[in-house]
Every structure is written in C-alpha cells, then in structure tokens.
Amino acid sequence: MRPITGHVVSYDAPSTEDIARRTGLPVDEIIRFDGNTSPHLLPSTRAEALAEELARIHSYPHGGYPRLEEAIARYAGVSPENV
C-alpha cells in the first residue's frame, strides 16, 4: 500500500444553531443533509404509531405476498405457483 501523502484535515460541520444564526433562519427551519439523516420523523417516533403496532404485536404476519407473486409471475411469463 502507498502511504497517503499530505495532511488530511477533518471536517467539523457547524452546528444547526450556528447555521441558523448565520442565515437568520429559525433553527426548526434548518434541514440538514450533511448527517445522512432524513428530515422527516420516522413513523415509529409517533406515539400513536407505536400504540397501533403494540396492539397487534400478538398476531402473526399474513401468509405471503400474493400480489407480489402475481406481479413477478406476469413479468416472468409463468404462473404464480412457479414463483
């Protein structure tokens, strides 16, 4: 392996508060894309979504994916039983 020449400087991203202060925008209007995170909350962060899932946690999942099997069969030109 060849050694890396030169000096690698780390990138220290400014805080959201710093960006808001520089741009004059409220912090809650700043959407960050540099952290590889979605600007939208996950459904699981909503209390009602968690309650819905917990209410059905005792049930088993359905018996397969018939619509997906049918779509694959149509695409492949075979019957769904062959998927």
Protein backbone atom coordinates (compact mmCIF):
# COMPACT_ATOMS: atom_id res chain seq x y z
CA MET A 1 0.00 0.00 0.00
CA ARG A 2 1.12 3.51 -0.69
CA PRO A 3 1.09 5.93 2.20
CA ILE A 4 -1.26 8.87 1.96
CA THR A 5 0.72 11.97 1.23
CA GLY A 6 -0.16 15.32 2.61
CA HIS A 7 -2.28 16.11 5.61
CA VAL A 8 -5.93 15.06 5.86
CA VAL A 9 -7.96 17.65 7.70
CA SER A 10 -11.20 16.58 9.34
CA TYR A 11 -14.41 18.38 8.51
CA ASP A 12 -16.09 19.82 11.55
CA ALA A 13 -19.61 20.67 10.48
CA PRO A 14 -21.14 23.74 12.04
CA SER A 15 -23.97 23.18 14.48
CA THR A 16 -27.54 23.77 13.38
CA GLU A 17 -27.63 26.73 15.75
CA ASP A 18 -24.58 28.22 14.00
CA ILE A 19 -26.21 27.80 10.60
CA ALA A 20 -29.43 29.38 11.86
CA ARG A 21 -27.51 32.31 13.31
CA ARG A 22 -25.56 32.84 10.04
CA THR A 23 -28.63 32.62 7.81
CA GLY A 24 -31.08 34.39 10.09
CA LEU A 25 -33.48 31.42 9.97
CA PRO A 26 -35.15 29.75 12.92
CA VAL A 27 -33.45 26.50 13.98
CA ASP A 28 -36.60 24.47 13.23
CA GLU A 29 -36.48 25.61 9.57
CA ILE A 30 -32.95 24.29 9.03
CA ILE A 31 -32.88 20.93 7.25
CA ARG A 32 -29.51 19.18 7.43
CA PHE A 33 -28.39 16.88 4.63
CA ASP A 34 -24.80 16.52 5.79
CA GLY A 35 -25.60 13.96 8.50
CA ASN A 36 -27.15 11.35 6.22
CA THR A 37 -30.44 11.60 8.05
CA SER A 38 -33.96 12.12 6.80
CA PRO A 39 -35.60 15.47 7.55
CA HIS A 40 -38.80 13.54 8.31
CA LEU A 41 -39.54 11.77 11.55
CA LEU A 42 -39.81 8.01 11.43
CA PRO A 43 -43.33 6.64 11.89
CA SER A 44 -42.09 4.82 14.97
CA THR A 45 -41.38 8.13 16.69
CA ARG A 46 -45.10 8.89 16.83
CA ALA A 47 -46.77 7.61 19.97
CA GLU A 48 -49.94 6.59 18.10
CA ALA A 49 -47.91 4.52 15.62
CA LEU A 50 -46.21 2.70 18.46
CA ALA A 51 -49.57 2.08 20.15
CA GLU A 52 -51.00 0.65 16.90
CA GLU A 53 -48.08 -1.72 16.48
CA LEU A 54 -48.17 -2.83 20.11
CA ALA A 55 -51.90 -3.51 19.80
CA ARG A 56 -51.26 -6.04 17.03
CA ILE A 57 -47.93 -7.45 18.17
CA HIS A 58 -49.60 -10.70 19.24
CA SER A 59 -50.71 -11.55 15.68
CA TYR A 60 -48.70 -13.46 13.09
CA PRO A 61 -47.97 -11.89 9.71
CA HIS A 62 -50.14 -12.77 6.73
CA GLY A 63 -49.42 -15.86 4.69
CA GLY A 64 -47.17 -14.50 1.97
CA TYR A 65 -47.20 -11.83 -0.68
CA PRO A 66 -49.76 -12.92 -3.28
CA ARG A 67 -49.82 -9.59 -5.17
CA LEU A 68 -46.04 -9.58 -5.42
CA GLU A 69 -46.02 -13.21 -6.55
CA GLU A 70 -48.61 -12.41 -9.22
CA ALA A 71 -46.61 -9.42 -10.45
CA ILE A 72 -43.40 -11.45 -10.67
CA ALA A 73 -45.26 -14.25 -12.46
CA ARG A 74 -46.67 -11.79 -15.03
CA TYR A 75 -43.22 -10.30 -15.55
CA ALA A 76 -41.57 -13.71 -15.92
CA GLY A 77 -44.40 -15.19 -18.01
CA VAL A 78 -45.09 -18.05 -15.61
CA SER A 79 -47.93 -18.95 -13.27
CA PRO A 80 -47.84 -17.63 -9.69
CA GLU A 81 -47.36 -21.20 -8.43
CA ASN A 82 -43.97 -21.20 -10.13
CA VAL A 83 -42.73 -18.12 -8.31
